[in-house]
Amino acid sequence: MRVADVIPEEAFETSPIGKGFTFGDLLRHMVAIERWMYAENAQGRPSRYDGYDGGGVRGKAATLAHVRELHDEAMEIFRSLDDGALRRPCTTPGGATMATWKWLRAMLEHEAHHRGQIYTYLSILGVPAPPLYGLTSEEVQARSVR
């Protein structure tokens, strides 16, 4: 959300590369996959992902509210999973079967991929993004022992 917060309103429903996902599309896609695919599969259910439209949600404020709502729902589901549920096999939309914890690890990789796109888009626009782990590379270097 720290990264989403710095996306300029005027660029939110655009793609700085002129094609593909817009900033808003990326956020709506990430949360829809989290909630309607990963969270459903983690409960032993089939995917309910129907795209990244968000029910017609558009604009920064509406999209961020939508993201928070679906993320909260997904987190409630994930928090309900005990060790047994995390070890239980789940079936992915592609038909693969794996331990639920491994499938949820793939969710993190998916998010990192799209978060990287957002960082790249922001860079193209010249918008500084918040550091991933609290410090920028330059700040870590300045604090490092020589």
N, C-alpha and C. Protein backbone atom coordinates (compact mmCIF):
# COMPACT_ATOMS: atom_id res chain seq x y z
N MET A 1 0.83 -1.20 0.00
CA MET A 1 0.00 0.00 0.00
C MET A 1 0.87 1.26 0.00
N ARG A 2 2.08 1.15 0.62
CA ARG A 2 2.98 2.32 0.59
C ARG A 2 3.35 2.69 -0.84
N VAL A 3 3.51 1.70 -1.68
CA VAL A 3 3.86 1.96 -3.08
C VAL A 3 2.64 2.51 -3.83
N ALA A 4 1.48 1.91 -3.59
CA ALA A 4 0.25 2.37 -4.25
C ALA A 4 -0.05 3.82 -3.89
N ASP A 5 0.25 4.20 -2.67
CA ASP A 5 -0.04 5.56 -2.21
C ASP A 5 0.70 6.63 -3.01
N VAL A 6 1.88 6.30 -3.55
CA VAL A 6 2.66 7.33 -4.27
C VAL A 6 2.33 7.39 -5.76
N ILE A 7 1.46 6.52 -6.24
CA ILE A 7 1.07 6.57 -7.66
C ILE A 7 0.29 7.86 -7.89
N PRO A 8 0.73 8.67 -8.84
CA PRO A 8 0.00 9.92 -9.10
C PRO A 8 -1.42 9.65 -9.59
N GLU A 9 -2.36 10.40 -9.05
CA GLU A 9 -3.77 10.25 -9.44
C GLU A 9 -3.95 10.32 -10.96
N GLU A 10 -3.28 11.29 -11.58
CA GLU A 10 -3.45 11.49 -13.03
C GLU A 10 -2.87 10.35 -13.86
N ALA A 11 -2.02 9.51 -13.27
CA ALA A 11 -1.42 8.40 -14.00
C ALA A 11 -2.04 7.05 -13.61
N PHE A 12 -2.96 7.05 -12.67
CA PHE A 12 -3.44 5.82 -12.06
C PHE A 12 -4.07 4.85 -13.06
N GLU A 13 -4.85 5.35 -13.99
CA GLU A 13 -5.51 4.47 -14.96
C GLU A 13 -4.80 4.50 -16.31
N THR A 14 -3.48 4.69 -16.27
CA THR A 14 -2.68 4.67 -17.49
C THR A 14 -1.52 3.70 -17.32
N SER A 15 -0.94 3.34 -18.45
CA SER A 15 0.29 2.54 -18.46
C SER A 15 1.39 3.41 -19.03
N PRO A 16 2.47 3.65 -18.29
CA PRO A 16 3.55 4.49 -18.78
C PRO A 16 4.26 3.93 -20.01
N ILE A 17 4.02 2.66 -20.31
CA ILE A 17 4.64 2.08 -21.51
C ILE A 17 3.67 2.03 -22.69
N GLY A 18 2.46 2.56 -22.47
CA GLY A 18 1.49 2.66 -23.56
C GLY A 18 0.74 1.39 -23.90
N LYS A 19 0.94 0.34 -23.13
CA LYS A 19 0.23 -0.92 -23.37
C LYS A 19 0.23 -1.73 -22.08
N GLY A 20 -0.56 -2.78 -22.05
CA GLY A 20 -0.59 -3.65 -20.88
C GLY A 20 -1.36 -3.06 -19.72
N PHE A 21 -1.12 -3.64 -18.55
CA PHE A 21 -1.79 -3.22 -17.33
C PHE A 21 -1.53 -1.75 -17.02
N THR A 22 -2.55 -1.08 -16.53
CA THR A 22 -2.37 0.25 -15.94
C THR A 22 -1.98 0.04 -14.47
N PHE A 23 -1.61 1.11 -13.79
CA PHE A 23 -1.35 1.00 -12.34
C PHE A 23 -2.57 0.39 -11.65
N GLY A 24 -3.74 0.94 -11.94
CA GLY A 24 -4.97 0.45 -11.32
C GLY A 24 -5.23 -1.01 -11.64
N ASP A 25 -5.02 -1.38 -12.91
CA ASP A 25 -5.20 -2.78 -13.30
C ASP A 25 -4.30 -3.70 -12.48
N LEU A 26 -3.04 -3.30 -12.31
CA LEU A 26 -2.10 -4.13 -11.55
C LEU A 26 -2.59 -4.34 -10.12
N LEU A 27 -3.01 -3.28 -9.47
CA LEU A 27 -3.49 -3.40 -8.09
C LEU A 27 -4.76 -4.24 -8.00
N ARG A 28 -5.69 -4.01 -8.92
CA ARG A 28 -6.94 -4.78 -8.90
C ARG A 28 -6.66 -6.25 -9.20
N HIS A 29 -5.74 -6.52 -10.12
CA HIS A 29 -5.37 -7.90 -10.46
C HIS A 29 -4.72 -8.59 -9.26
N MET A 30 -3.76 -7.92 -8.63
CA MET A 30 -3.04 -8.53 -7.51
C MET A 30 -3.99 -8.92 -6.39
N VAL A 31 -4.91 -8.03 -6.04
CA VAL A 31 -5.80 -8.34 -4.92
C VAL A 31 -6.87 -9.35 -5.33
N ALA A 32 -7.32 -9.32 -6.57
CA ALA A 32 -8.32 -10.29 -7.01
C ALA A 32 -7.73 -11.70 -7.04
N ILE A 33 -6.49 -11.82 -7.49
CA ILE A 33 -5.82 -13.13 -7.49
C ILE A 33 -5.64 -13.62 -6.05
N GLU A 34 -5.20 -12.70 -5.18
CA GLU A 34 -4.99 -13.07 -3.77
C GLU A 34 -6.29 -13.60 -3.16
N ARG A 35 -7.36 -12.84 -3.34
CA ARG A 35 -8.63 -13.20 -2.68
C ARG A 35 -9.34 -14.35 -3.38
N TRP A 36 -9.53 -14.23 -4.69
CA TRP A 36 -10.42 -15.15 -5.40
C TRP A 36 -9.74 -16.39 -5.95
N MET A 37 -8.41 -16.42 -5.98
CA MET A 37 -7.72 -17.64 -6.40
C MET A 37 -6.98 -18.26 -5.21
N TYR A 38 -5.95 -17.58 -4.71
CA TYR A 38 -5.14 -18.18 -3.65
C TYR A 38 -5.95 -18.47 -2.39
N ALA A 39 -6.75 -17.52 -1.91
CA ALA A 39 -7.51 -17.75 -0.69
C ALA A 39 -8.56 -18.85 -0.88
N GLU A 40 -9.17 -18.89 -2.05
CA GLU A 40 -10.14 -19.95 -2.32
C GLU A 40 -9.45 -21.31 -2.38
N ASN A 41 -8.35 -21.41 -3.14
CA ASN A 41 -7.62 -22.68 -3.25
C ASN A 41 -7.11 -23.14 -1.89
N ALA A 42 -6.67 -22.20 -1.04
CA ALA A 42 -6.15 -22.55 0.28
C ALA A 42 -7.23 -23.18 1.15
N GLN A 43 -8.48 -22.91 0.84
CA GLN A 43 -9.61 -23.50 1.57
C GLN A 43 -10.10 -24.79 0.92
N GLY A 44 -9.39 -25.24 -0.12
CA GLY A 44 -9.80 -26.45 -0.83
C GLY A 44 -10.87 -26.21 -1.87
N ARG A 45 -11.08 -24.96 -2.22
CA ARG A 45 -12.10 -24.60 -3.20
C ARG A 45 -11.46 -24.25 -4.54
N PRO A 46 -12.23 -24.31 -5.62
CA PRO A 46 -11.70 -23.89 -6.92
C PRO A 46 -11.59 -22.36 -7.00
N SER A 47 -10.77 -21.90 -7.90
CA SER A 47 -10.58 -20.47 -8.12
C SER A 47 -11.90 -19.82 -8.52
N ARG A 48 -12.10 -18.59 -8.04
CA ARG A 48 -13.25 -17.78 -8.43
C ARG A 48 -12.80 -16.49 -9.11
N TYR A 49 -11.53 -16.45 -9.53
CA TYR A 49 -10.97 -15.26 -10.18
C TYR A 49 -11.65 -15.06 -11.52
N ASP A 50 -12.24 -13.88 -11.71
CA ASP A 50 -12.92 -13.61 -12.97
C ASP A 50 -12.34 -12.39 -13.68
N GLY A 51 -11.10 -12.08 -13.37
CA GLY A 51 -10.44 -10.96 -14.03
C GLY A 51 -10.10 -9.87 -13.05
N TYR A 52 -9.58 -8.79 -13.58
CA TYR A 52 -9.08 -7.71 -12.73
C TYR A 52 -9.90 -6.44 -12.87
N ASP A 53 -11.13 -6.58 -13.31
CA ASP A 53 -11.99 -5.42 -13.49
C ASP A 53 -12.41 -4.80 -12.15
N GLY A 54 -12.49 -5.62 -11.11
CA GLY A 54 -12.89 -5.12 -9.81
C GLY A 54 -14.34 -4.67 -9.78
N GLY A 55 -15.17 -5.28 -10.64
CA GLY A 55 -16.58 -4.89 -10.68
C GLY A 55 -16.78 -3.48 -11.21
N GLY A 56 -15.86 -3.04 -12.05
CA GLY A 56 -15.96 -1.70 -12.63
C GLY A 56 -15.31 -0.62 -11.78
N VAL A 57 -14.58 -1.02 -10.73
CA VAL A 57 -13.88 -0.06 -9.87
C VAL A 57 -12.85 0.68 -10.71
N ARG A 58 -12.83 2.01 -10.58
CA ARG A 58 -11.85 2.84 -11.30
C ARG A 58 -11.42 3.98 -10.40
N GLY A 59 -10.24 4.49 -10.67
CA GLY A 59 -9.72 5.62 -9.93
C GLY A 59 -8.95 5.18 -8.70
N LYS A 60 -8.08 6.06 -8.25
CA LYS A 60 -7.19 5.72 -7.15
C LYS A 60 -7.93 5.44 -5.85
N ALA A 61 -8.78 6.35 -5.40
CA ALA A 61 -9.46 6.18 -4.11
C ALA A 61 -10.31 4.92 -4.10
N ALA A 62 -11.11 4.71 -5.13
CA ALA A 62 -11.99 3.54 -5.18
C ALA A 62 -11.19 2.26 -5.26
N THR A 63 -10.11 2.27 -6.04
CA THR A 63 -9.29 1.06 -6.17
C THR A 63 -8.60 0.73 -4.86
N LEU A 64 -8.03 1.74 -4.18
CA LEU A 64 -7.36 1.46 -2.91
C LEU A 64 -8.33 0.95 -1.86
N ALA A 65 -9.56 1.46 -1.85
CA ALA A 65 -10.58 0.94 -0.93
C ALA A 65 -10.91 -0.51 -1.27
N HIS A 66 -11.05 -0.80 -2.55
CA HIS A 66 -11.32 -2.16 -3.03
C HIS A 66 -10.19 -3.10 -2.64
N VAL A 67 -8.95 -2.65 -2.83
CA VAL A 67 -7.78 -3.47 -2.47
C VAL A 67 -7.79 -3.77 -0.98
N ARG A 68 -8.02 -2.77 -0.17
CA ARG A 68 -8.03 -2.98 1.29
C ARG A 68 -9.13 -3.97 1.70
N GLU A 69 -10.30 -3.83 1.11
CA GLU A 69 -11.42 -4.72 1.45
C GLU A 69 -11.12 -6.18 1.10
N LEU A 70 -10.68 -6.42 -0.14
CA LEU A 70 -10.41 -7.80 -0.54
C LEU A 70 -9.20 -8.37 0.18
N HIS A 71 -8.18 -7.54 0.42
CA HIS A 71 -7.01 -8.01 1.15
C HIS A 71 -7.39 -8.41 2.57
N ASP A 72 -8.21 -7.62 3.21
CA ASP A 72 -8.67 -7.96 4.56
C ASP A 72 -9.42 -9.30 4.57
N GLU A 73 -10.27 -9.52 3.58
CA GLU A 73 -10.98 -10.80 3.47
C GLU A 73 -9.99 -11.95 3.32
N ALA A 74 -9.02 -11.78 2.43
CA ALA A 74 -8.04 -12.84 2.19
C ALA A 74 -7.24 -13.12 3.45
N MET A 75 -6.82 -12.06 4.15
CA MET A 75 -6.02 -12.25 5.36
C MET A 75 -6.82 -12.98 6.45
N GLU A 76 -8.09 -12.70 6.53
CA GLU A 76 -8.93 -13.42 7.49
C GLU A 76 -8.91 -14.92 7.18
N ILE A 77 -9.00 -15.25 5.91
CA ILE A 77 -8.95 -16.66 5.49
C ILE A 77 -7.59 -17.25 5.81
N PHE A 78 -6.52 -16.55 5.44
CA PHE A 78 -5.17 -17.09 5.67
C PHE A 78 -4.89 -17.28 7.17
N ARG A 79 -5.35 -16.35 7.99
CA ARG A 79 -5.15 -16.47 9.44
C ARG A 79 -5.90 -17.67 10.03
N SER A 80 -6.95 -18.10 9.35
CA SER A 80 -7.74 -19.22 9.86
C SER A 80 -7.09 -20.58 9.57
N LEU A 81 -6.05 -20.59 8.75
CA LEU A 81 -5.40 -21.85 8.36
C LEU A 81 -4.44 -22.30 9.46
N ASP A 82 -4.69 -23.47 10.02
CA ASP A 82 -3.77 -24.02 11.02
C ASP A 82 -2.69 -24.83 10.31
N ASP A 83 -1.78 -25.42 11.08
CA ASP A 83 -0.68 -26.18 10.49
C ASP A 83 -1.18 -27.30 9.59
N GLY A 84 -2.23 -27.98 10.03
CA GLY A 84 -2.79 -29.07 9.23
C GLY A 84 -3.32 -28.58 7.90
N ALA A 85 -4.01 -27.45 7.92
CA ALA A 85 -4.54 -26.88 6.68
C ALA A 85 -3.42 -26.44 5.75
N LEU A 86 -2.35 -25.91 6.31
CA LEU A 86 -1.21 -25.47 5.48
C LEU A 86 -0.47 -26.65 4.85
N ARG A 87 -0.50 -27.79 5.51
CA ARG A 87 0.15 -28.99 4.95
C ARG A 87 -0.75 -29.75 3.99
N ARG A 88 -2.07 -29.52 4.10
CA ARG A 88 -3.03 -30.22 3.25
C ARG A 88 -2.78 -29.88 1.78
N PRO A 89 -2.92 -30.86 0.90
CA PRO A 89 -2.77 -30.54 -0.53
C PRO A 89 -3.92 -29.67 -1.03
N CYS A 90 -3.60 -28.77 -1.93
CA CYS A 90 -4.63 -28.01 -2.63
C CYS A 90 -4.37 -28.16 -4.12
N THR A 91 -5.39 -27.88 -4.90
CA THR A 91 -5.27 -28.00 -6.35
C THR A 91 -5.31 -26.61 -6.95
N THR A 92 -4.34 -26.32 -7.79
CA THR A 92 -4.24 -25.02 -8.44
C THR A 92 -5.19 -24.96 -9.63
N PRO A 93 -5.45 -23.78 -10.16
CA PRO A 93 -6.31 -23.69 -11.35
C PRO A 93 -5.75 -24.47 -12.54
N GLY A 94 -4.43 -24.67 -12.56
CA GLY A 94 -3.81 -25.45 -13.64
C GLY A 94 -3.88 -26.95 -13.43
N GLY A 95 -4.46 -27.37 -12.29
CA GLY A 95 -4.62 -28.79 -12.02
C GLY A 95 -3.48 -29.43 -11.24
N ALA A 96 -2.45 -28.65 -10.89
CA ALA A 96 -1.36 -29.19 -10.08
C ALA A 96 -1.82 -29.32 -8.63
N THR A 97 -1.28 -30.31 -7.95
CA THR A 97 -1.58 -30.50 -6.54
C THR A 97 -0.29 -30.30 -5.75
N MET A 98 -0.39 -29.51 -4.69
CA MET A 98 0.78 -29.25 -3.83
C MET A 98 0.28 -28.87 -2.45
N ALA A 99 1.22 -28.87 -1.50
CA ALA A 99 0.87 -28.43 -0.15
C ALA A 99 0.40 -26.98 -0.21
N THR A 100 -0.61 -26.67 0.57
CA THR A 100 -1.17 -25.32 0.58
C THR A 100 -0.11 -24.27 0.87
N TRP A 101 0.82 -24.55 1.80
CA TRP A 101 1.86 -23.56 2.13
C TRP A 101 2.72 -23.25 0.91
N LYS A 102 2.96 -24.25 0.07
CA LYS A 102 3.76 -24.00 -1.14
C LYS A 102 2.98 -23.14 -2.13
N TRP A 103 1.69 -23.38 -2.22
CA TRP A 103 0.85 -22.57 -3.11
C TRP A 103 0.81 -21.12 -2.64
N LEU A 104 0.75 -20.92 -1.33
CA LEU A 104 0.74 -19.56 -0.80
C LEU A 104 2.10 -18.88 -0.99
N ARG A 105 3.17 -19.64 -1.01
CA ARG A 105 4.49 -19.07 -1.32
C ARG A 105 4.50 -18.56 -2.75
N ALA A 106 3.83 -19.27 -3.65
CA ALA A 106 3.73 -18.81 -5.04
C ALA A 106 2.98 -17.48 -5.13
N MET A 107 2.03 -17.27 -4.21
CA MET A 107 1.30 -16.00 -4.17
C MET A 107 2.27 -14.85 -3.92
N LEU A 108 3.22 -15.05 -3.03
CA LEU A 108 4.21 -14.01 -2.74
C LEU A 108 5.08 -13.71 -3.95
N GLU A 109 5.45 -14.75 -4.68
CA GLU A 109 6.24 -14.56 -5.90
C GLU A 109 5.44 -13.78 -6.95
N HIS A 110 4.16 -14.08 -7.05
CA HIS A 110 3.28 -13.38 -7.98
C HIS A 110 3.21 -11.90 -7.62
N GLU A 111 3.04 -11.62 -6.32
CA GLU A 111 2.96 -10.24 -5.88
C GLU A 111 4.27 -9.50 -6.14
N ALA A 112 5.39 -10.16 -5.87
CA ALA A 112 6.70 -9.51 -6.10
C ALA A 112 6.87 -9.16 -7.58
N HIS A 113 6.43 -10.03 -8.45
CA HIS A 113 6.51 -9.78 -9.90
C HIS A 113 5.76 -8.50 -10.27
N HIS A 114 4.52 -8.39 -9.82
CA HIS A 114 3.72 -7.22 -10.18
C HIS A 114 4.14 -5.97 -9.42
N ARG A 115 4.62 -6.14 -8.20
CA ARG A 115 5.14 -4.98 -7.47
C ARG A 115 6.35 -4.41 -8.21
N GLY A 116 7.16 -5.29 -8.79
CA GLY A 116 8.29 -4.84 -9.61
C GLY A 116 7.83 -4.04 -10.81
N GLN A 117 6.71 -4.44 -11.41
CA GLN A 117 6.16 -3.65 -12.53
C GLN A 117 5.78 -2.25 -12.06
N ILE A 118 5.15 -2.16 -10.90
CA ILE A 118 4.74 -0.86 -10.37
C ILE A 118 5.96 0.01 -10.11
N TYR A 119 7.00 -0.56 -9.52
CA TYR A 119 8.24 0.19 -9.28
C TYR A 119 8.83 0.68 -10.61
N THR A 120 8.81 -0.18 -11.62
CA THR A 120 9.34 0.22 -12.93
C THR A 120 8.50 1.33 -13.54
N TYR A 121 7.19 1.19 -13.48
CA TYR A 121 6.30 2.24 -14.00
C TYR A 121 6.57 3.57 -13.30
N LEU A 122 6.70 3.53 -11.96
CA LEU A 122 6.98 4.77 -11.23
C LEU A 122 8.31 5.37 -11.65
N SER A 123 9.30 4.53 -11.86
CA SER A 123 10.61 5.01 -12.30
C SER A 123 10.51 5.70 -13.66
N ILE A 124 9.75 5.12 -14.56
CA ILE A 124 9.55 5.72 -15.88
C ILE A 124 8.96 7.12 -15.74
N LEU A 125 8.04 7.28 -14.78
CA LEU A 125 7.41 8.58 -14.56
C LEU A 125 8.27 9.52 -13.72
N GLY A 126 9.38 9.02 -13.19
CA GLY A 126 10.24 9.86 -12.35
C GLY A 126 9.69 10.05 -10.95
N VAL A 127 8.83 9.13 -10.50
CA VAL A 127 8.23 9.21 -9.17
C VAL A 127 9.03 8.32 -8.23
N PRO A 128 9.61 8.89 -7.16
CA PRO A 128 10.35 8.05 -6.21
C PRO A 128 9.41 7.11 -5.48
N ALA A 129 9.81 5.86 -5.38
CA ALA A 129 9.01 4.86 -4.67
C ALA A 129 9.60 4.63 -3.28
N PRO A 130 8.77 4.26 -2.33
CA PRO A 130 9.30 3.99 -1.00
C PRO A 130 10.23 2.77 -1.04
N PRO A 131 11.27 2.76 -0.22
CA PRO A 131 12.17 1.61 -0.22
C PRO A 131 11.44 0.36 0.27
N LEU A 132 11.84 -0.75 -0.28
CA LEU A 132 11.18 -2.01 0.02
C LEU A 132 11.36 -2.44 1.47
N TYR A 133 12.56 -2.28 2.02
CA TYR A 133 12.85 -2.77 3.37
C TYR A 133 13.21 -1.66 4.34
N GLY A 134 12.72 -0.46 4.11
CA GLY A 134 12.93 0.62 5.05
C GLY A 134 14.05 1.58 4.68
N LEU A 135 15.05 1.11 3.94
CA LEU A 135 16.16 1.97 3.52
C LEU A 135 16.39 1.80 2.03
N THR A 136 16.85 2.86 1.39
CA THR A 136 17.25 2.75 -0.01
C THR A 136 18.64 2.13 -0.08
N SER A 137 19.04 1.72 -1.24
CA SER A 137 20.39 1.17 -1.44
C SER A 137 21.44 2.18 -0.99
N GLU A 138 21.23 3.44 -1.33
CA GLU A 138 22.18 4.49 -0.96
C GLU A 138 22.26 4.67 0.56
N GLU A 139 21.12 4.55 1.23
CA GLU A 139 21.10 4.68 2.69
C GLU A 139 21.82 3.51 3.36
N VAL A 140 21.64 2.32 2.83
CA VAL A 140 22.35 1.15 3.37
C VAL A 140 23.85 1.34 3.18
N GLN A 141 24.23 1.79 1.99
CA GLN A 141 25.65 2.01 1.70
C GLN A 141 26.23 3.06 2.64
N ALA A 142 25.52 4.13 2.89
CA ALA A 142 26.01 5.19 3.76
C ALA A 142 26.16 4.72 5.21
N ARG A 143 25.35 3.74 5.61
CA ARG A 143 25.39 3.23 7.00
C ARG A 143 26.30 2.02 7.16
N SER A 144 26.87 1.56 6.07
CA SER A 144 27.71 0.36 6.11
C SER A 144 29.11 0.68 6.59
N VAL A 145 29.75 -0.30 7.20
CA VAL A 145 31.11 -0.16 7.67
C VAL A 145 32.06 -0.22 6.48
N ARG A 146 33.00 0.68 6.45
CA ARG A 146 33.96 0.70 5.35
C ARG A 146 35.20 -0.08 5.73
